[in-house]
Amino acid sequence: MMAVSYKKLLHMLIDKDMSIAELQRQAGYSANISTRLRNDTYISLESVEKICRVLNCKMDEIIEFIPEDGGSNNGQNS
């Protein structure tokens, strides 16, 4: 399973001296999306597109997918 990370986006916002609230206002998405970004939970492709339009960037510049180990069930009988 893969986890999503928006660390790249947050770093980009710092570089552009822009807050998440300002991005939300310019992109026109709900406060719920801002919360999801802070918590590294999935957002819709439509929201990603809005963010990319405002920041003039590509999706892979703001989102990273990270493999989750999820704990190993191997070795339970050790």
PDB file of N, CA and C in Angstrom:
ATOM      1  N   MET A   1       0.842  -1.185   0.000  1.00  0.00           N
ATOM      2  CA  MET A   1       0.000   0.000   0.000  1.00  0.00           C
ATOM      3  C   MET A   1       0.886   1.247   0.000  1.00  0.00           C
ATOM      4  N   MET A   2       0.372   2.305  -0.585  1.00  0.00           N
ATOM      5  CA  MET A   2       1.129   3.551  -0.679  1.00  0.00           C
ATOM      6  C   MET A   2       0.476   4.641   0.177  1.00  0.00           C
ATOM      7  N   ALA A   3       1.321   5.433   0.807  1.00  0.00           N
ATOM      8  CA  ALA A   3       0.857   6.610   1.541  1.00  0.00           C
ATOM      9  C   ALA A   3       1.170   7.830   0.697  1.00  0.00           C
ATOM     10  N   VAL A   4       0.394   8.879   0.893  1.00  0.00           N
ATOM     11  CA  VAL A   4       0.611  10.110   0.138  1.00  0.00           C
ATOM     12  C   VAL A   4       1.263  11.145   1.057  1.00  0.00           C
ATOM     13  N   SER A   5       2.155  11.933   0.495  1.00  0.00           N
ATOM     14  CA  SER A   5       2.813  13.001   1.238  1.00  0.00           C
ATOM     15  C   SER A   5       2.754  14.288   0.432  1.00  0.00           C
ATOM     16  N   TYR A   6       2.428  15.372   1.119  1.00  0.00           N
ATOM     17  CA  TYR A   6       2.371  16.688   0.482  1.00  0.00           C
ATOM     18  C   TYR A   6       3.509  17.582   0.965  1.00  0.00           C
ATOM     19  N   LYS A   7       4.585  16.974   1.484  1.00  0.00           N
ATOM     20  CA  LYS A   7       5.726  17.759   1.969  1.00  0.00           C
ATOM     21  C   LYS A   7       6.299  18.641   0.868  1.00  0.00           C
ATOM     22  N   LYS A   8       6.342  18.109  -0.352  1.00  0.00           N
ATOM     23  CA  LYS A   8       6.849  18.906  -1.482  1.00  0.00           C
ATOM     24  C   LYS A   8       6.003  20.159  -1.673  1.00  0.00           C
ATOM     25  N   LEU A   9       4.697  20.015  -1.547  1.00  0.00           N
ATOM     26  CA  LEU A   9       3.799  21.158  -1.684  1.00  0.00           C
ATOM     27  C   LEU A   9       4.062  22.177  -0.585  1.00  0.00           C
ATOM     28  N   LEU A  10       4.180  21.703   0.643  1.00  0.00           N
ATOM     29  CA  LEU A  10       4.388  22.616   1.771  1.00  0.00           C
ATOM     30  C   LEU A  10       5.713  23.360   1.628  1.00  0.00           C
ATOM     31  N   HIS A  11       6.742  22.677   1.143  1.00  0.00           N
ATOM     32  CA  HIS A  11       8.029  23.340   0.896  1.00  0.00           C
ATOM     33  C   HIS A  11       7.900  24.380  -0.214  1.00  0.00           C
ATOM     34  N   MET A  12       7.130  24.047  -1.248  1.00  0.00           N
ATOM     35  CA  MET A  12       6.926  24.989  -2.349  1.00  0.00           C
ATOM     36  C   MET A  12       6.210  26.241  -1.849  1.00  0.00           C
ATOM     37  N   LEU A  13       5.226  26.063  -0.974  1.00  0.00           N
ATOM     38  CA  LEU A  13       4.501  27.208  -0.426  1.00  0.00           C
ATOM     39  C   LEU A  13       5.443  28.101   0.378  1.00  0.00           C
ATOM     40  N   ILE A  14       6.338  27.490   1.143  1.00  0.00           N
ATOM     41  CA  ILE A  14       7.321  28.266   1.915  1.00  0.00           C
ATOM     42  C   ILE A  14       8.200  29.067   0.959  1.00  0.00           C
ATOM     43  N   ASP A  15       8.672  28.404  -0.101  1.00  0.00           N
ATOM     44  CA  ASP A  15       9.530  29.077  -1.089  1.00  0.00           C
ATOM     45  C   ASP A  15       8.812  30.248  -1.754  1.00  0.00           C
ATOM     46  N   LYS A  16       7.512  30.106  -1.950  1.00  0.00           N
ATOM     47  CA  LYS A  16       6.728  31.156  -2.608  1.00  0.00           C
ATOM     48  C   LYS A  16       6.140  32.146  -1.603  1.00  0.00           C
ATOM     49  N   ASP A  17       6.464  31.953  -0.316  1.00  0.00           N
ATOM     50  CA  ASP A  17       5.939  32.800   0.758  1.00  0.00           C
ATOM     51  C   ASP A  17       4.407  32.865   0.700  1.00  0.00           C
ATOM     52  N   MET A  18       3.788  31.693   0.576  1.00  0.00           N
ATOM     53  CA  MET A  18       2.329  31.589   0.482  1.00  0.00           C
ATOM     54  C   MET A  18       1.830  30.644   1.580  1.00  0.00           C
ATOM     55  N   SER A  19       0.742  31.007   2.217  1.00  0.00           N
ATOM     56  CA  SER A  19       0.152  30.148   3.251  1.00  0.00           C
ATOM     57  C   SER A  19      -0.816  29.152   2.608  1.00  0.00           C
ATOM     58  N   ILE A  20      -1.139  28.116   3.366  1.00  0.00           N
ATOM     59  CA  ILE A  20      -2.138  27.156   2.896  1.00  0.00           C
ATOM     60  C   ILE A  20      -3.481  27.866   2.709  1.00  0.00           C
ATOM     61  N   ALA A  21      -3.776  28.817   3.609  1.00  0.00           N
ATOM     62  CA  ALA A  21      -5.042  29.565   3.512  1.00  0.00           C
ATOM     63  C   ALA A  21      -5.091  30.386   2.221  1.00  0.00           C
ATOM     64  N   GLU A  22      -3.956  30.984   1.846  1.00  0.00           N
ATOM     65  CA  GLU A  22      -3.915  31.773   0.604  1.00  0.00           C
ATOM     66  C   GLU A  22      -4.059  30.860  -0.613  1.00  0.00           C
ATOM     67  N   LEU A  23      -3.401  29.706  -0.575  1.00  0.00           N
ATOM     68  CA  LEU A  23      -3.547  28.737  -1.663  1.00  0.00           C
ATOM     69  C   LEU A  23      -5.005  28.310  -1.790  1.00  0.00           C
ATOM     70  N   GLN A  24      -5.634  28.043  -0.662  1.00  0.00           N
ATOM     71  CA  GLN A  24      -7.048  27.642  -0.651  1.00  0.00           C
ATOM     72  C   GLN A  24      -7.919  28.717  -1.297  1.00  0.00           C
ATOM     73  N   ARG A  25      -7.664  29.970  -0.959  1.00  0.00           N
ATOM     74  CA  ARG A  25      -8.449  31.073  -1.513  1.00  0.00           C
ATOM     75  C   ARG A  25      -8.257  31.180  -3.030  1.00  0.00           C
ATOM     76  N   GLN A  26      -7.008  31.110  -3.461  1.00  0.00           N
ATOM     77  CA  GLN A  26      -6.734  31.269  -4.900  1.00  0.00           C
ATOM     78  C   GLN A  26      -7.212  30.070  -5.717  1.00  0.00           C
ATOM     79  N   ALA A  27      -7.083  28.864  -5.142  1.00  0.00           N
ATOM     80  CA  ALA A  27      -7.463  27.655  -5.879  1.00  0.00           C
ATOM     81  C   ALA A  27      -8.969  27.389  -5.798  1.00  0.00           C
ATOM     82  N   GLY A  28      -9.611  27.920  -4.761  1.00  0.00           N
ATOM     83  CA  GLY A  28     -11.059  27.788  -4.644  1.00  0.00           C
ATOM     84  C   GLY A  28     -11.536  26.434  -4.156  1.00  0.00           C
ATOM     85  N   TYR A  29     -10.779  25.800  -3.273  1.00  0.00           N
ATOM     86  CA  TYR A  29     -11.240  24.541  -2.682  1.00  0.00           C
ATOM     87  C   TYR A  29     -11.623  24.752  -1.218  1.00  0.00           C
ATOM     88  N   SER A  30     -12.240  23.758  -0.609  1.00  0.00           N
ATOM     89  CA  SER A  30     -12.775  23.890   0.746  1.00  0.00           C
ATOM     90  C   SER A  30     -11.688  23.771   1.813  1.00  0.00           C
ATOM     91  N   ALA A  31     -12.021  24.217   3.023  1.00  0.00           N
ATOM     92  CA  ALA A  31     -11.106  24.115   4.162  1.00  0.00           C
ATOM     93  C   ALA A  31     -10.777  22.658   4.462  1.00  0.00           C
ATOM     94  N   ASN A  32     -11.691  21.754   4.144  1.00  0.00           N
ATOM     95  CA  ASN A  32     -11.458  20.329   4.357  1.00  0.00           C
ATOM     96  C   ASN A  32     -10.228  19.849   3.573  1.00  0.00           C
ATOM     97  N   ILE A  33     -10.036  20.385   2.380  1.00  0.00           N
ATOM     98  CA  ILE A  33      -8.878  20.009   1.563  1.00  0.00           C
ATOM     99  C   ILE A  33      -7.595  20.487   2.231  1.00  0.00           C
ATOM    100  N   SER A  34      -7.603  21.684   2.793  1.00  0.00           N
ATOM    101  CA  SER A  34      -6.427  22.194   3.501  1.00  0.00           C
ATOM    102  C   SER A  34      -6.071  21.286   4.675  1.00  0.00           C
ATOM    103  N   THR A  35      -7.076  20.822   5.385  1.00  0.00           N
ATOM    104  CA  THR A  35      -6.844  19.887   6.502  1.00  0.00           C
ATOM    105  C   THR A  35      -6.247  18.588   5.995  1.00  0.00           C
ATOM    106  N   ARG A  36      -6.768  18.088   4.895  1.00  0.00           N
ATOM    107  CA  ARG A  36      -6.245  16.845   4.315  1.00  0.00           C
ATOM    108  C   ARG A  36      -4.790  17.008   3.884  1.00  0.00           C
ATOM    109  N   LEU A  37      -4.443  18.176   3.346  1.00  0.00           N
ATOM    110  CA  LEU A  37      -3.059  18.432   2.950  1.00  0.00           C
ATOM    111  C   LEU A  37      -2.132  18.399   4.166  1.00  0.00           C
ATOM    112  N   ARG A  38      -2.569  19.026   5.253  1.00  0.00           N
ATOM    113  CA  ARG A  38      -1.748  19.048   6.471  1.00  0.00           C
ATOM    114  C   ARG A  38      -1.585  17.656   7.072  1.00  0.00           C
ATOM    115  N   ASN A  39      -2.605  16.812   6.888  1.00  0.00           N
ATOM    116  CA  ASN A  39      -2.590  15.469   7.494  1.00  0.00           C
ATOM    117  C   ASN A  39      -2.118  14.378   6.541  1.00  0.00           C
ATOM    118  N   ASP A  40      -1.650  14.761   5.359  1.00  0.00           N
ATOM    119  CA  ASP A  40      -1.184  13.788   4.364  1.00  0.00           C
ATOM    120  C   ASP A  40      -2.218  12.706   4.070  1.00  0.00           C
ATOM    121  N   THR A  41      -3.456  13.133   3.813  1.00  0.00           N
ATOM    122  CA  THR A  41      -4.493  12.195   3.390  1.00  0.00           C
ATOM    123  C   THR A  41      -4.899  12.541   1.955  1.00  0.00           C
ATOM    124  N   TYR A  42      -5.511  11.596   1.280  1.00  0.00           N
ATOM    125  CA  TYR A  42      -5.816  11.751  -0.140  1.00  0.00           C
ATOM    126  C   TYR A  42      -6.754  12.911  -0.413  1.00  0.00           C
ATOM    127  N   ILE A  43      -6.490  13.607  -1.520  1.00  0.00           N
ATOM    128  CA  ILE A  43      -7.396  14.628  -2.039  1.00  0.00           C
ATOM    129  C   ILE A  43      -7.721  14.250  -3.483  1.00  0.00           C
ATOM    130  N   SER A  44      -8.786  14.810  -4.004  1.00  0.00           N
ATOM    131  CA  SER A  44      -9.214  14.469  -5.360  1.00  0.00           C
ATOM    132  C   SER A  44      -8.242  15.020  -6.403  1.00  0.00           C
ATOM    133  N   LEU A  45      -8.263  14.389  -7.547  1.00  0.00           N
ATOM    134  CA  LEU A  45      -7.440  14.855  -8.666  1.00  0.00           C
ATOM    135  C   LEU A  45      -7.873  16.258  -9.084  1.00  0.00           C
ATOM    136  N   GLU A  46      -9.138  16.551  -8.957  1.00  0.00           N
ATOM    137  CA  GLU A  46      -9.645  17.892  -9.270  1.00  0.00           C
ATOM    138  C   GLU A  46      -8.973  18.941  -8.381  1.00  0.00           C
ATOM    139  N   SER A  47      -8.827  18.631  -7.093  1.00  0.00           N
ATOM    140  CA  SER A  47      -8.157  19.563  -6.173  1.00  0.00           C
ATOM    141  C   SER A  47      -6.684  19.702  -6.511  1.00  0.00           C
ATOM    142  N   VAL A  48      -6.036  18.596  -6.858  1.00  0.00           N
ATOM    143  CA  VAL A  48      -4.632  18.636  -7.267  1.00  0.00           C
ATOM    144  C   VAL A  48      -4.477  19.541  -8.487  1.00  0.00           C
ATOM    145  N   GLU A  49      -5.386  19.403  -9.437  1.00  0.00           N
ATOM    146  CA  GLU A  49      -5.342  20.225 -10.650  1.00  0.00           C
ATOM    147  C   GLU A  49      -5.471  21.710 -10.318  1.00  0.00           C
ATOM    148  N   LYS A  50      -6.374  22.054  -9.402  1.00  0.00           N
ATOM    149  CA  LYS A  50      -6.555  23.450  -8.993  1.00  0.00           C
ATOM    150  C   LYS A  50      -5.280  23.999  -8.372  1.00  0.00           C
ATOM    151  N   ILE A  51      -4.651  23.198  -7.525  1.00  0.00           N
ATOM    152  CA  ILE A  51      -3.406  23.613  -6.868  1.00  0.00           C
ATOM    153  C   ILE A  51      -2.310  23.826  -7.903  1.00  0.00           C
ATOM    154  N   CYS A  52      -2.188  22.889  -8.837  1.00  0.00           N
ATOM    155  CA  CYS A  52      -1.156  22.990  -9.870  1.00  0.00           C
ATOM    156  C   CYS A  52      -1.359  24.217 -10.758  1.00  0.00           C
ATOM    157  N   ARG A  53      -2.596  24.554 -11.025  1.00  0.00           N
ATOM    158  CA  ARG A  53      -2.868  25.751 -11.838  1.00  0.00           C
ATOM    159  C   ARG A  53      -2.409  27.015 -11.110  1.00  0.00           C
ATOM    160  N   VAL A  54      -2.717  27.109  -9.816  1.00  0.00           N
ATOM    161  CA  VAL A  54      -2.338  28.294  -9.041  1.00  0.00           C
ATOM    162  C   VAL A  54      -0.812  28.398  -8.922  1.00  0.00           C
ATOM    163  N   LEU A  55      -0.155  27.271  -8.664  1.00  0.00           N
ATOM    164  CA  LEU A  55       1.290  27.286  -8.435  1.00  0.00           C
ATOM    165  C   LEU A  55       2.099  27.122  -9.721  1.00  0.00           C
ATOM    166  N   ASN A  56       1.406  26.899 -10.836  1.00  0.00           N
ATOM    167  CA  ASN A  56       2.064  26.706 -12.119  1.00  0.00           C
ATOM    168  C   ASN A  56       3.118  25.593 -12.016  1.00  0.00           C
ATOM    169  N   CYS A  57       2.664  24.421 -11.581  1.00  0.00           N
ATOM    170  CA  CYS A  57       3.574  23.295 -11.389  1.00  0.00           C
ATOM    171  C   CYS A  57       2.928  22.004 -11.880  1.00  0.00           C
ATOM    172  N   LYS A  58       3.708  20.946 -11.864  1.00  0.00           N
ATOM    173  CA  LYS A  58       3.216  19.624 -12.235  1.00  0.00           C
ATOM    174  C   LYS A  58       2.908  18.835 -10.971  1.00  0.00           C
ATOM    175  N   MET A  59       2.060  17.819 -11.123  1.00  0.00           N
ATOM    176  CA  MET A  59       1.618  17.024  -9.988  1.00  0.00           C
ATOM    177  C   MET A  59       2.783  16.422  -9.198  1.00  0.00           C
ATOM    178  N   ASP A  60       3.804  15.915  -9.899  1.00  0.00           N
ATOM    179  CA  ASP A  60       4.906  15.264  -9.192  1.00  0.00           C
ATOM    180  C   ASP A  60       5.796  16.249  -8.439  1.00  0.00           C
ATOM    181  N   GLU A  61       5.550  17.547  -8.624  1.00  0.00           N
ATOM    182  CA  GLU A  61       6.299  18.565  -7.879  1.00  0.00           C
ATOM    183  C   GLU A  61       5.673  18.837  -6.510  1.00  0.00           C
ATOM    184  N   ILE A  62       4.448  18.368  -6.289  1.00  0.00           N
ATOM    185  CA  ILE A  62       3.759  18.661  -5.018  1.00  0.00           C
ATOM    186  C   ILE A  62       3.316  17.415  -4.259  1.00  0.00           C
ATOM    187  N   ILE A  63       3.294  16.262  -4.928  1.00  0.00           N
ATOM    188  CA  ILE A  63       2.811  15.028  -4.301  1.00  0.00           C
ATOM    189  C   ILE A  63       3.875  13.952  -4.401  1.00  0.00           C
ATOM    190  N   GLU A  64       3.994  13.196  -3.328  1.00  0.00           N
ATOM    191  CA  GLU A  64       4.911  12.059  -3.328  1.00  0.00           C
ATOM    192  C   GLU A  64       4.159  10.863  -2.763  1.00  0.00           C
ATOM    193  N   PHE A  65       4.315   9.720  -3.404  1.00  0.00           N
ATOM    194  CA  PHE A  65       3.729   8.486  -2.897  1.00  0.00           C
ATOM    195  C   PHE A  65       4.827   7.675  -2.236  1.00  0.00           C
ATOM    196  N   ILE A  66       4.568   7.248  -1.007  1.00  0.00           N
ATOM    197  CA  ILE A  66       5.569   6.556  -0.206  1.00  0.00           C
ATOM    198  C   ILE A  66       5.051   5.161   0.129  1.00  0.00           C
ATOM    199  N   PRO A  67       5.844   4.123  -0.138  1.00  0.00           N
ATOM    200  CA  PRO A  67       5.420   2.766   0.227  1.00  0.00           C
ATOM    201  C   PRO A  67       5.257   2.651   1.741  1.00  0.00           C
ATOM    202  N   GLU A  68       4.184   2.023   2.150  1.00  0.00           N
ATOM    203  CA  GLU A  68       3.945   1.776   3.576  1.00  0.00           C
ATOM    204  C   GLU A  68       4.349   0.350   3.889  1.00  0.00           C
ATOM    205  N   ASP A  69       5.121   0.179   4.962  1.00  0.00           N
ATOM    206  CA  ASP A  69       5.468  -1.181   5.378  1.00  0.00           C
ATOM    207  C   ASP A  69       4.263  -1.855   6.024  1.00  0.00           C
ATOM    208  N   GLY A  70       3.528  -1.083   6.814  1.00  0.00           N
ATOM    209  CA  GLY A  70       2.312  -1.603   7.425  1.00  0.00           C
ATOM    210  C   GLY A  70       2.572  -2.687   8.460  1.00  0.00           C
ATOM    211  N   GLY A  71       3.795  -2.801   8.930  1.00  0.00           N
ATOM    212  CA  GLY A  71       4.100  -3.847   9.905  1.00  0.00           C
ATOM    213  C   GLY A  71       4.157  -5.189   9.245  1.00  0.00           C
ATOM    214  N   SER A  72       5.029  -5.999   9.688  1.00  0.00           N
ATOM    215  CA  SER A  72       5.229  -7.310   9.073  1.00  0.00           C
ATOM    216  C   SER A  72       4.481  -8.389   9.845  1.00  0.00           C
ATOM    217  N   ASN A  73       3.746  -9.200   9.109  1.00  0.00           N
ATOM    218  CA  ASN A  73       3.084 -10.339   9.734  1.00  0.00           C
ATOM    219  C   ASN A  73       3.975 -11.558   9.712  1.00  0.00           C
ATOM    220  N   ASN A  74       5.112 -11.448   9.030  1.00  0.00           N
ATOM    221  CA  ASN A  74       6.066 -12.532   9.009  1.00  0.00           C
ATOM    222  C   ASN A  74       6.736 -12.645  10.365  1.00  0.00           C
ATOM    223  N   GLY A  75       7.039 -13.841  10.771  1.00  0.00           N
ATOM    224  CA  GLY A  75       7.731 -14.041  12.024  1.00  0.00           C
ATOM    225  C   GLY A  75       6.828 -14.068  13.231  1.00  0.00           C
ATOM    226  N   GLN A  76       5.519 -14.235  13.020  1.00  0.00           N
ATOM    227  CA  GLN A  76       4.607 -14.320  14.161  1.00  0.00           C
ATOM    228  C   GLN A  76       4.858 -15.584  14.965  1.00  0.00           C
ATOM    229  N   ASN A  77       5.407 -16.607  14.309  1.00  0.00           N
ATOM    230  CA  ASN A  77       5.626 -17.881  14.983  1.00  0.00           C
ATOM    231  C   ASN A  77       7.034 -17.989  15.528  1.00  0.00           C
ATOM    232  N   SER A  78       7.736 -16.897  15.739  1.00  0.00           N
ATOM    233  CA  SER A  78       9.120 -16.966  16.175  1.00  0.00           C
ATOM    234  C   SER A  78       9.278 -17.276  17.642  1.00  0.00           C
TER     235      SER A  78
END
